[in-house]
PDB file of N, CA and C in Angstrom:
ATOM      1  N   MET A   1     -17.850  -1.619 -14.611  1.00  0.00           N
ATOM      2  CA  MET A   1     -17.677  -0.812 -13.422  1.00  0.00           C
ATOM      3  C   MET A   1     -16.985   0.494 -13.747  1.00  0.00           C
ATOM      4  N   ALA A   2     -16.429   0.642 -14.924  1.00  0.00           N
ATOM      5  CA  ALA A   2     -15.597   1.800 -15.249  1.00  0.00           C
ATOM      6  C   ALA A   2     -16.304   3.131 -15.023  1.00  0.00           C
ATOM      7  N   ASN A   3     -17.606   3.207 -15.282  1.00  0.00           N
ATOM      8  CA  ASN A   3     -18.318   4.476 -15.124  1.00  0.00           C
ATOM      9  C   ASN A   3     -19.217   4.504 -13.899  1.00  0.00           C
ATOM     10  N   GLU A   4     -19.267   3.418 -13.160  1.00  0.00           N
ATOM     11  CA  GLU A   4     -20.122   3.338 -11.979  1.00  0.00           C
ATOM     12  C   GLU A   4     -19.416   3.965 -10.780  1.00  0.00           C
ATOM     13  N   VAL A   5     -20.209   4.588  -9.916  1.00  0.00           N
ATOM     14  CA  VAL A   5     -19.667   5.162  -8.687  1.00  0.00           C
ATOM     15  C   VAL A   5     -20.377   4.511  -7.513  1.00  0.00           C
ATOM     16  N   ARG A   6     -19.619   4.085  -6.526  1.00  0.00           N
ATOM     17  CA  ARG A   6     -20.215   3.538  -5.307  1.00  0.00           C
ATOM     18  C   ARG A   6     -20.371   4.678  -4.315  1.00  0.00           C
ATOM     19  N   HIS A   7     -21.536   4.765  -3.735  1.00  0.00           N
ATOM     20  CA  HIS A   7     -21.804   5.779  -2.717  1.00  0.00           C
ATOM     21  C   HIS A   7     -21.785   5.107  -1.346  1.00  0.00           C
ATOM     22  N   TYR A   8     -21.470   5.884  -0.329  1.00  0.00           N
ATOM     23  CA  TYR A   8     -21.359   5.380   1.036  1.00  0.00           C
ATOM     24  C   TYR A   8     -22.592   4.570   1.434  1.00  0.00           C
ATOM     25  N   GLU A   9     -23.756   5.098   1.137  1.00  0.00           N
ATOM     26  CA  GLU A   9     -24.993   4.437   1.563  1.00  0.00           C
ATOM     27  C   GLU A   9     -25.266   3.132   0.803  1.00  0.00           C
ATOM     28  N   ASP A  10     -24.542   2.899  -0.292  1.00  0.00           N
ATOM     29  CA  ASP A  10     -24.725   1.675  -1.075  1.00  0.00           C
ATOM     30  C   ASP A  10     -23.785   0.547  -0.644  1.00  0.00           C
ATOM     31  N   VAL A  11     -22.819   0.864   0.188  1.00  0.00           N
ATOM     32  CA  VAL A  11     -21.813  -0.120   0.594  1.00  0.00           C
ATOM     33  C   VAL A  11     -22.275  -0.838   1.854  1.00  0.00           C
ATOM     34  N   GLN A  12     -22.166  -2.159   1.832  1.00  0.00           N
ATOM     35  CA  GLN A  12     -22.590  -2.982   2.961  1.00  0.00           C
ATOM     36  C   GLN A  12     -21.390  -3.739   3.532  1.00  0.00           C
ATOM     37  N   THR A  13     -21.431  -4.024   4.810  1.00  0.00           N
ATOM     38  CA  THR A  13     -20.412  -4.867   5.425  1.00  0.00           C
ATOM     39  C   THR A  13     -20.392  -6.205   4.697  1.00  0.00           C
ATOM     40  N   GLY A  14     -19.222  -6.645   4.327  1.00  0.00           N
ATOM     41  CA  GLY A  14     -19.083  -7.911   3.615  1.00  0.00           C
ATOM     42  C   GLY A  14     -18.987  -7.763   2.109  1.00  0.00           C
ATOM     43  N   ASP A  15     -19.233  -6.553   1.574  1.00  0.00           N
ATOM     44  CA  ASP A  15     -19.066  -6.334   0.134  1.00  0.00           C
ATOM     45  C   ASP A  15     -17.627  -6.657  -0.259  1.00  0.00           C
ATOM     46  N   GLU A  16     -17.462  -7.304  -1.407  1.00  0.00           N
ATOM     47  CA  GLU A  16     -16.122  -7.630  -1.877  1.00  0.00           C
ATOM     48  C   GLU A  16     -15.504  -6.438  -2.575  1.00  0.00           C
ATOM     49  N   ILE A  17     -14.220  -6.248  -2.330  1.00  0.00           N
ATOM     50  CA  ILE A  17     -13.463  -5.199  -3.001  1.00  0.00           C
ATOM     51  C   ILE A  17     -12.583  -5.870  -4.047  1.00  0.00           C
ATOM     52  N   THR A  18     -12.527  -5.287  -5.230  1.00  0.00           N
ATOM     53  CA  THR A  18     -11.724  -5.834  -6.307  1.00  0.00           C
ATOM     54  C   THR A  18     -10.258  -5.929  -5.880  1.00  0.00           C
ATOM     55  N   PRO A  19      -9.636  -7.088  -6.060  1.00  0.00           N
ATOM     56  CA  PRO A  19      -8.225  -7.225  -5.663  1.00  0.00           C
ATOM     57  C   PRO A  19      -7.318  -6.295  -6.473  1.00  0.00           C
ATOM     58  N   LEU A  20      -6.253  -5.855  -5.849  1.00  0.00           N
ATOM     59  CA  LEU A  20      -5.211  -5.074  -6.517  1.00  0.00           C
ATOM     60  C   LEU A  20      -3.911  -5.839  -6.319  1.00  0.00           C
ATOM     61  N   VAL A  21      -3.294  -6.246  -7.411  1.00  0.00           N
ATOM     62  CA  VAL A  21      -2.063  -7.022  -7.336  1.00  0.00           C
ATOM     63  C   VAL A  21      -0.892  -6.123  -7.709  1.00  0.00           C
ATOM     64  N   LYS A  22       0.088  -6.059  -6.832  1.00  0.00           N
ATOM     65  CA  LYS A  22       1.295  -5.260  -7.067  1.00  0.00           C
ATOM     66  C   LYS A  22       2.507  -6.135  -6.788  1.00  0.00           C
ATOM     67  N   GLU A  23       3.493  -6.067  -7.646  1.00  0.00           N
ATOM     68  CA  GLU A  23       4.764  -6.731  -7.378  1.00  0.00           C
ATOM     69  C   GLU A  23       5.680  -5.696  -6.759  1.00  0.00           C
ATOM     70  N   ILE A  24       6.114  -5.960  -5.546  1.00  0.00           N
ATOM     71  CA  ILE A  24       6.956  -5.009  -4.832  1.00  0.00           C
ATOM     72  C   ILE A  24       8.351  -5.601  -4.707  1.00  0.00           C
ATOM     73  N   GLY A  25       9.274  -4.977  -5.395  1.00  0.00           N
ATOM     74  CA  GLY A  25      10.670  -5.369  -5.304  1.00  0.00           C
ATOM     75  C   GLY A  25      11.484  -4.234  -4.702  1.00  0.00           C
ATOM     76  N   LEU A  26      12.748  -4.499  -4.487  1.00  0.00           N
ATOM     77  CA  LEU A  26      13.621  -3.504  -3.875  1.00  0.00           C
ATOM     78  C   LEU A  26      13.714  -2.236  -4.730  1.00  0.00           C
ATOM     79  N   ALA A  27      13.745  -2.385  -6.057  1.00  0.00           N
ATOM     80  CA  ALA A  27      13.830  -1.210  -6.934  1.00  0.00           C
ATOM     81  C   ALA A  27      12.604  -0.311  -6.760  1.00  0.00           C
ATOM     82  N   ARG A  28      11.431  -0.906  -6.699  1.00  0.00           N
ATOM     83  CA  ARG A  28      10.209  -0.114  -6.505  1.00  0.00           C
ATOM     84  C   ARG A  28      10.215   0.549  -5.130  1.00  0.00           C
ATOM     85  N   MET A  29      10.682  -0.170  -4.128  1.00  0.00           N
ATOM     86  CA  MET A  29      10.748   0.395  -2.778  1.00  0.00           C
ATOM     87  C   MET A  29      11.705   1.584  -2.735  1.00  0.00           C
ATOM     88  N   MET A  30      12.837   1.461  -3.420  1.00  0.00           N
ATOM     89  CA  MET A  30      13.801   2.557  -3.441  1.00  0.00           C
ATOM     90  C   MET A  30      13.252   3.747  -4.224  1.00  0.00           C
ATOM     91  N   ALA A  31      12.556   3.492  -5.322  1.00  0.00           N
ATOM     92  CA  ALA A  31      11.949   4.581  -6.094  1.00  0.00           C
ATOM     93  C   ALA A  31      10.904   5.309  -5.255  1.00  0.00           C
ATOM     94  N   TYR A  32      10.118   4.561  -4.495  1.00  0.00           N
ATOM     95  CA  TYR A  32       9.118   5.185  -3.621  1.00  0.00           C
ATOM     96  C   TYR A  32       9.807   6.035  -2.561  1.00  0.00           C
ATOM     97  N   GLY A  33      10.863   5.515  -1.977  1.00  0.00           N
ATOM     98  CA  GLY A  33      11.613   6.274  -0.982  1.00  0.00           C
ATOM     99  C   GLY A  33      12.156   7.570  -1.554  1.00  0.00           C
ATOM    100  N   ALA A  34      12.664   7.508  -2.780  1.00  0.00           N
ATOM    101  CA  ALA A  34      13.187   8.711  -3.427  1.00  0.00           C
ATOM    102  C   ALA A  34      12.069   9.709  -3.721  1.00  0.00           C
ATOM    103  N   ALA A  35      10.926   9.217  -4.175  1.00  0.00           N
ATOM    104  CA  ALA A  35       9.807  10.106  -4.509  1.00  0.00           C
ATOM    105  C   ALA A  35       9.235  10.799  -3.282  1.00  0.00           C
ATOM    106  N   THR A  36       9.327  10.146  -2.132  1.00  0.00           N
ATOM    107  CA  THR A  36       8.741  10.708  -0.907  1.00  0.00           C
ATOM    108  C   THR A  36       9.798  11.244   0.059  1.00  0.00           C
ATOM    109  N   TRP A  37      11.044  11.235  -0.371  1.00  0.00           N
ATOM    110  CA  TRP A  37      12.155  11.701   0.469  1.00  0.00           C
ATOM    111  C   TRP A  37      12.211  10.925   1.783  1.00  0.00           C
ATOM    112  N   ASP A  38      11.903   9.652   1.717  1.00  0.00           N
ATOM    113  CA  ASP A  38      11.923   8.782   2.890  1.00  0.00           C
ATOM    114  C   ASP A  38      13.076   7.797   2.723  1.00  0.00           C
ATOM    115  N   PHE A  39      14.252   8.174   3.180  1.00  0.00           N
ATOM    116  CA  PHE A  39      15.445   7.371   2.964  1.00  0.00           C
ATOM    117  C   PHE A  39      15.843   6.565   4.197  1.00  0.00           C
ATOM    118  N   ILE A  40      14.875   6.042   4.914  1.00  0.00           N
ATOM    119  CA  ILE A  40      15.162   5.224   6.089  1.00  0.00           C
ATOM    120  C   ILE A  40      15.798   3.909   5.626  1.00  0.00           C
ATOM    121  N   ARG A  41      16.953   3.599   6.174  1.00  0.00           N
ATOM    122  CA  ARG A  41      17.735   2.450   5.719  1.00  0.00           C
ATOM    123  C   ARG A  41      16.996   1.127   5.842  1.00  0.00           C
ATOM    124  N   LEU A  42      16.050   1.038   6.734  1.00  0.00           N
ATOM    125  CA  LEU A  42      15.287  -0.206   6.909  1.00  0.00           C
ATOM    126  C   LEU A  42      14.547  -0.617   5.637  1.00  0.00           C
ATOM    127  N   HIS A  43      14.344   0.327   4.724  1.00  0.00           N
ATOM    128  CA  HIS A  43      13.574   0.052   3.515  1.00  0.00           C
ATOM    129  C   HIS A  43      14.438  -0.295   2.303  1.00  0.00           C
ATOM    130  N   TYR A  44      15.779  -0.277   2.457  1.00  0.00           N
ATOM    131  CA  TYR A  44      16.614  -0.609   1.304  1.00  0.00           C
ATOM    132  C   TYR A  44      17.936  -1.309   1.639  1.00  0.00           C
ATOM    133  N   ASP A  45      18.386  -1.249   2.866  1.00  0.00           N
ATOM    134  CA  ASP A  45      19.695  -1.795   3.239  1.00  0.00           C
ATOM    135  C   ASP A  45      19.518  -3.132   3.970  1.00  0.00           C
ATOM    136  N   ALA A  46      19.781  -4.227   3.243  1.00  0.00           N
ATOM    137  CA  ALA A  46      19.543  -5.567   3.795  1.00  0.00           C
ATOM    138  C   ALA A  46      20.398  -5.842   5.029  1.00  0.00           C
ATOM    139  N   ASP A  47      21.664  -5.492   4.983  1.00  0.00           N
ATOM    140  CA  ASP A  47      22.544  -5.751   6.133  1.00  0.00           C
ATOM    141  C   ASP A  47      22.087  -4.964   7.359  1.00  0.00           C
ATOM    142  N   TYR A  48      21.713  -3.737   7.153  1.00  0.00           N
ATOM    143  CA  TYR A  48      21.235  -2.895   8.253  1.00  0.00           C
ATOM    144  C   TYR A  48      19.951  -3.477   8.856  1.00  0.00           C
ATOM    145  N   ALA A  49      19.007  -3.855   7.984  1.00  0.00           N
ATOM    146  CA  ALA A  49      17.733  -4.418   8.459  1.00  0.00           C
ATOM    147  C   ALA A  49      17.967  -5.714   9.235  1.00  0.00           C
ATOM    148  N   ARG A  50      18.823  -6.582   8.709  1.00  0.00           N
ATOM    149  CA  ARG A  50      19.119  -7.845   9.403  1.00  0.00           C
ATOM    150  C   ARG A  50      19.805  -7.589  10.739  1.00  0.00           C
ATOM    151  N   GLY A  51      20.671  -6.585  10.775  1.00  0.00           N
ATOM    152  CA  GLY A  51      21.354  -6.235  12.015  1.00  0.00           C
ATOM    153  C   GLY A  51      20.399  -5.787  13.112  1.00  0.00           C
ATOM    154  N   LEU A  52      19.228  -5.323  12.714  1.00  0.00           N
ATOM    155  CA  LEU A  52      18.205  -4.910  13.677  1.00  0.00           C
ATOM    156  C   LEU A  52      17.186  -6.014  13.957  1.00  0.00           C
ATOM    157  N   GLY A  53      17.414  -7.204  13.361  1.00  0.00           N
ATOM    158  CA  GLY A  53      16.558  -8.346  13.650  1.00  0.00           C
ATOM    159  C   GLY A  53      15.456  -8.614  12.642  1.00  0.00           C
ATOM    160  N   PHE A  54      15.428  -7.874  11.545  1.00  0.00           N
ATOM    161  CA  PHE A  54      14.426  -8.116  10.504  1.00  0.00           C
ATOM    162  C   PHE A  54      15.005  -9.074   9.474  1.00  0.00           C
ATOM    163  N   GLU A  55      14.136  -9.787   8.757  1.00  0.00           N
ATOM    164  CA  GLU A  55      14.652 -10.756   7.787  1.00  0.00           C
ATOM    165  C   GLU A  55      15.192 -10.101   6.525  1.00  0.00           C
ATOM    166  N   ALA A  56      14.755  -8.881   6.240  1.00  0.00           N
ATOM    167  CA  ALA A  56      15.173  -8.158   5.030  1.00  0.00           C
ATOM    168  C   ALA A  56      14.635  -6.730   5.135  1.00  0.00           C
ATOM    169  N   PRO A  57      15.004  -5.862   4.180  1.00  0.00           N
ATOM    170  CA  PRO A  57      14.344  -4.554   4.144  1.00  0.00           C
ATOM    171  C   PRO A  57      12.844  -4.771   3.960  1.00  0.00           C
ATOM    172  N   PHE A  58      12.028  -3.927   4.576  1.00  0.00           N
ATOM    173  CA  PHE A  58      10.585  -4.123   4.462  1.00  0.00           C
ATOM    174  C   PHE A  58       9.910  -2.916   3.825  1.00  0.00           C
ATOM    175  N   VAL A  59       8.726  -3.162   3.306  1.00  0.00           N
ATOM    176  CA  VAL A  59       7.970  -2.153   2.565  1.00  0.00           C
ATOM    177  C   VAL A  59       7.530  -1.039   3.507  1.00  0.00           C
ATOM    178  N   ASP A  60       7.691   0.188   3.056  1.00  0.00           N
ATOM    179  CA  ASP A  60       7.268   1.367   3.808  1.00  0.00           C
ATOM    180  C   ASP A  60       5.748   1.324   4.003  1.00  0.00           C
ATOM    181  N   GLY A  61       5.297   1.561   5.211  1.00  0.00           N
ATOM    182  CA  GLY A  61       3.862   1.558   5.503  1.00  0.00           C
ATOM    183  C   GLY A  61       3.079   2.548   4.665  1.00  0.00           C
ATOM    184  N   GLN A  62       3.696   3.699   4.364  1.00  0.00           N
ATOM    185  CA  GLN A  62       3.010   4.692   3.527  1.00  0.00           C
ATOM    186  C   GLN A  62       2.758   4.153   2.122  1.00  0.00           C
ATOM    187  N   MET A  63       3.683   3.340   1.632  1.00  0.00           N
ATOM    188  CA  MET A  63       3.522   2.739   0.313  1.00  0.00           C
ATOM    189  C   MET A  63       2.321   1.803   0.315  1.00  0.00           C
ATOM    190  N   MET A  64       2.201   1.011   1.383  1.00  0.00           N
ATOM    191  CA  MET A  64       1.045   0.121   1.506  1.00  0.00           C
ATOM    192  C   MET A  64      -0.250   0.932   1.568  1.00  0.00           C
ATOM    193  N   GLY A  65      -0.219   2.057   2.276  1.00  0.00           N
ATOM    194  CA  GLY A  65      -1.382   2.934   2.338  1.00  0.00           C
ATOM    195  C   GLY A  65      -1.747   3.487   0.972  1.00  0.00           C
ATOM    196  N   GLY A  66      -0.746   3.804   0.176  1.00  0.00           N
ATOM    197  CA  GLY A  66      -0.998   4.270  -1.188  1.00  0.00           C
ATOM    198  C   GLY A  66      -1.663   3.201  -2.035  1.00  0.00           C
ATOM    199  N   PHE A  67      -1.192   1.958  -1.887  1.00  0.00           N
ATOM    200  CA  PHE A  67      -1.811   0.856  -2.628  1.00  0.00           C
ATOM    201  C   PHE A  67      -3.253   0.633  -2.174  1.00  0.00           C
ATOM    202  N   LEU A  68      -3.491   0.709  -0.869  1.00  0.00           N
ATOM    203  CA  LEU A  68      -4.845   0.548  -0.345  1.00  0.00           C
ATOM    204  C   LEU A  68      -5.758   1.644  -0.883  1.00  0.00           C
ATOM    205  N   THR A  69      -5.261   2.864  -0.908  1.00  0.00           N
ATOM    206  CA  THR A  69      -6.039   3.981  -1.453  1.00  0.00           C
ATOM    207  C   THR A  69      -6.370   3.735  -2.918  1.00  0.00           C
ATOM    208  N   GLN A  70      -5.386   3.279  -3.697  1.00  0.00           N
ATOM    209  CA  GLN A  70      -5.620   2.990  -5.108  1.00  0.00           C
ATOM    210  C   GLN A  70      -6.675   1.897  -5.270  1.00  0.00           C
ATOM    211  N   GLN A  71      -6.582   0.852  -4.454  1.00  0.00           N
ATOM    212  CA  GLN A  71      -7.535  -0.252  -4.540  1.00  0.00           C
ATOM    213  C   GLN A  71      -8.955   0.235  -4.262  1.00  0.00           C
ATOM    214  N   ILE A  72      -9.120   1.003  -3.222  1.00  0.00           N
ATOM    215  CA  ILE A  72     -10.455   1.488  -2.862  1.00  0.00           C
ATOM    216  C   ILE A  72     -10.976   2.463  -3.905  1.00  0.00           C
ATOM    217  N   GLN A  73     -10.113   3.358  -4.373  1.00  0.00           N
ATOM    218  CA  GLN A  73     -10.541   4.336  -5.372  1.00  0.00           C
ATOM    219  C   GLN A  73     -10.932   3.644  -6.675  1.00  0.00           C
ATOM    220  N   ASP A  74     -10.154   2.645  -7.097  1.00  0.00           N
ATOM    221  CA  ASP A  74     -10.501   1.883  -8.303  1.00  0.00           C
ATOM    222  C   ASP A  74     -11.840   1.180  -8.130  1.00  0.00           C
ATOM    223  N   TRP A  75     -12.068   0.607  -6.959  1.00  0.00           N
ATOM    224  CA  TRP A  75     -13.308  -0.120  -6.672  1.00  0.00           C
ATOM    225  C   TRP A  75     -14.504   0.829  -6.604  1.00  0.00           C
ATOM    226  N   ALA A  76     -14.304   1.987  -6.008  1.00  0.00           N
ATOM    227  CA  ALA A  76     -15.411   2.929  -5.803  1.00  0.00           C
ATOM    228  C   ALA A  76     -15.800   3.658  -7.081  1.00  0.00           C
ATOM    229  N   GLY A  77     -14.887   3.790  -8.019  1.00  0.00           N
ATOM    230  CA  GLY A  77     -15.196   4.446  -9.282  1.00  0.00           C
ATOM    231  C   GLY A  77     -14.495   5.785  -9.424  1.00  0.00           C
ATOM    232  N   PRO A  78     -14.374   6.245 -10.676  1.00  0.00           N
ATOM    233  CA  PRO A  78     -13.579   7.441 -10.962  1.00  0.00           C
ATOM    234  C   PRO A  78     -14.138   8.737 -10.375  1.00  0.00           C
ATOM    235  N   GLU A  79     -15.408   8.788 -10.116  1.00  0.00           N
ATOM    236  CA  GLU A  79     -16.005  10.008  -9.567  1.00  0.00           C
ATOM    237  C   GLU A  79     -16.149   9.958  -8.050  1.00  0.00           C
ATOM    238  N   ALA A  80     -15.783   8.852  -7.454  1.00  0.00           N
ATOM    239  CA  ALA A  80     -15.901   8.718  -5.994  1.00  0.00           C
ATOM    240  C   ALA A  80     -14.832   9.562  -5.309  1.00  0.00           C
ATOM    241  N   PHE A  81     -15.142  10.006  -4.113  1.00  0.00           N
ATOM    242  CA  PHE A  81     -14.209  10.819  -3.327  1.00  0.00           C
ATOM    243  C   PHE A  81     -13.942  10.117  -2.010  1.00  0.00           C
ATOM    244  N   LEU A  82     -12.702   9.758  -1.792  1.00  0.00           N
ATOM    245  CA  LEU A  82     -12.301   9.103  -0.549  1.00  0.00           C
ATOM    246  C   LEU A  82     -11.917  10.196   0.435  1.00  0.00           C
ATOM    247  N   ARG A  83     -12.767  10.428   1.390  1.00  0.00           N
ATOM    248  CA  ARG A  83     -12.565  11.527   2.338  1.00  0.00           C
ATOM    249  C   ARG A  83     -11.553  11.192   3.430  1.00  0.00           C
ATOM    250  N   LYS A  84     -11.576   9.954   3.908  1.00  0.00           N
ATOM    251  CA  LYS A  84     -10.712   9.589   5.025  1.00  0.00           C
ATOM    252  C   LYS A  84     -10.379   8.104   4.935  1.00  0.00           C
ATOM    253  N   LEU A  85      -9.160   7.778   5.308  1.00  0.00           N
ATOM    254  CA  LEU A  85      -8.729   6.385   5.310  1.00  0.00           C
ATOM    255  C   LEU A  85      -7.821   6.169   6.512  1.00  0.00           C
ATOM    256  N   ALA A  86      -8.091   5.143   7.260  1.00  0.00           N
ATOM    257  CA  ALA A  86      -7.231   4.768   8.383  1.00  0.00           C
ATOM    258  C   ALA A  86      -6.933   3.277   8.249  1.00  0.00           C
ATOM    259  N   PHE A  87      -5.694   2.911   8.518  1.00  0.00           N
ATOM    260  CA  PHE A  87      -5.313   1.504   8.469  1.00  0.00           C
ATOM    261  C   PHE A  87      -4.133   1.291   9.405  1.00  0.00           C
ATOM    262  N   ARG A  88      -3.888   0.029   9.730  1.00  0.00           N
ATOM    263  CA  ARG A  88      -2.746  -0.337  10.575  1.00  0.00           C
ATOM    264  C   ARG A  88      -1.965  -1.446   9.898  1.00  0.00           C
ATOM    265  N   ASN A  89      -0.675  -1.307   9.907  1.00  0.00           N
ATOM    266  CA  ASN A  89       0.197  -2.384   9.436  1.00  0.00           C
ATOM    267  C   ASN A  89       0.470  -3.292  10.622  1.00  0.00           C
ATOM    268  N   ARG A  90      -0.020  -4.499  10.572  1.00  0.00           N
ATOM    269  CA  ARG A  90       0.141  -5.420  11.704  1.00  0.00           C
ATOM    270  C   ARG A  90       1.302  -6.395  11.510  1.00  0.00           C
ATOM    271  N   VAL A  91       1.732  -6.570  10.292  1.00  0.00           N
ATOM    272  CA  VAL A  91       2.892  -7.413   9.997  1.00  0.00           C
ATOM    273  C   VAL A  91       3.735  -6.712   8.933  1.00  0.00           C
ATOM    274  N   MET A  92       4.997  -7.069   8.883  1.00  0.00           N
ATOM    275  CA  MET A  92       5.888  -6.495   7.879  1.00  0.00           C
ATOM    276  C   MET A  92       5.608  -7.139   6.526  1.00  0.00           C
ATOM    277  N   ALA A  93       5.693  -6.340   5.486  1.00  0.00           N
ATOM    278  CA  ALA A  93       5.632  -6.846   4.115  1.00  0.00           C
ATOM    279  C   ALA A  93       7.036  -6.711   3.532  1.00  0.00           C
ATOM    280  N   TYR A  94       7.517  -7.783   2.939  1.00  0.00           N
ATOM    281  CA  TYR A  94       8.867  -7.808   2.395  1.00  0.00           C
ATOM    282  C   TYR A  94       8.810  -7.894   0.874  1.00  0.00           C
ATOM    283  N   PRO A  95       9.880  -7.471   0.186  1.00  0.00           N
ATOM    284  CA  PRO A  95       9.890  -7.595  -1.273  1.00  0.00           C
ATOM    285  C   PRO A  95       9.556  -9.022  -1.689  1.00  0.00           C
ATOM    286  N   GLY A  96       8.665  -9.142  -2.645  1.00  0.00           N
ATOM    287  CA  GLY A  96       8.256 -10.454  -3.127  1.00  0.00           C
ATOM    288  C   GLY A  96       7.030 -11.029  -2.445  1.00  0.00           C
ATOM    289  N   ASP A  97       6.586 -10.423  -1.341  1.00  0.00           N
ATOM    290  CA  ASP A  97       5.375 -10.911  -0.654  1.00  0.00           C
ATOM    291  C   ASP A  97       4.156 -10.731  -1.537  1.00  0.00           C
TER     292      ASP A  97
END
């Protein structure tokens, strides 16, 4: 698949997308926050997150979007162009999920 490109007209509903496995820990979440200047305490401060009713700091939605983009781009091929992507986070992702 390394040199193959998927075109829009070749993709069918139900096509499988190659899985992308990422280990997300607090250090990676904090590095992402620093890289994007997103220092919202909910993403790194366990006591603060618990005080607001969450079980722990949770993964930034933008980070999940970045992983989704990487997964699709890897699946579509190196010459493919992802013009638009929309997604919704319906549940929280926590470190270790």
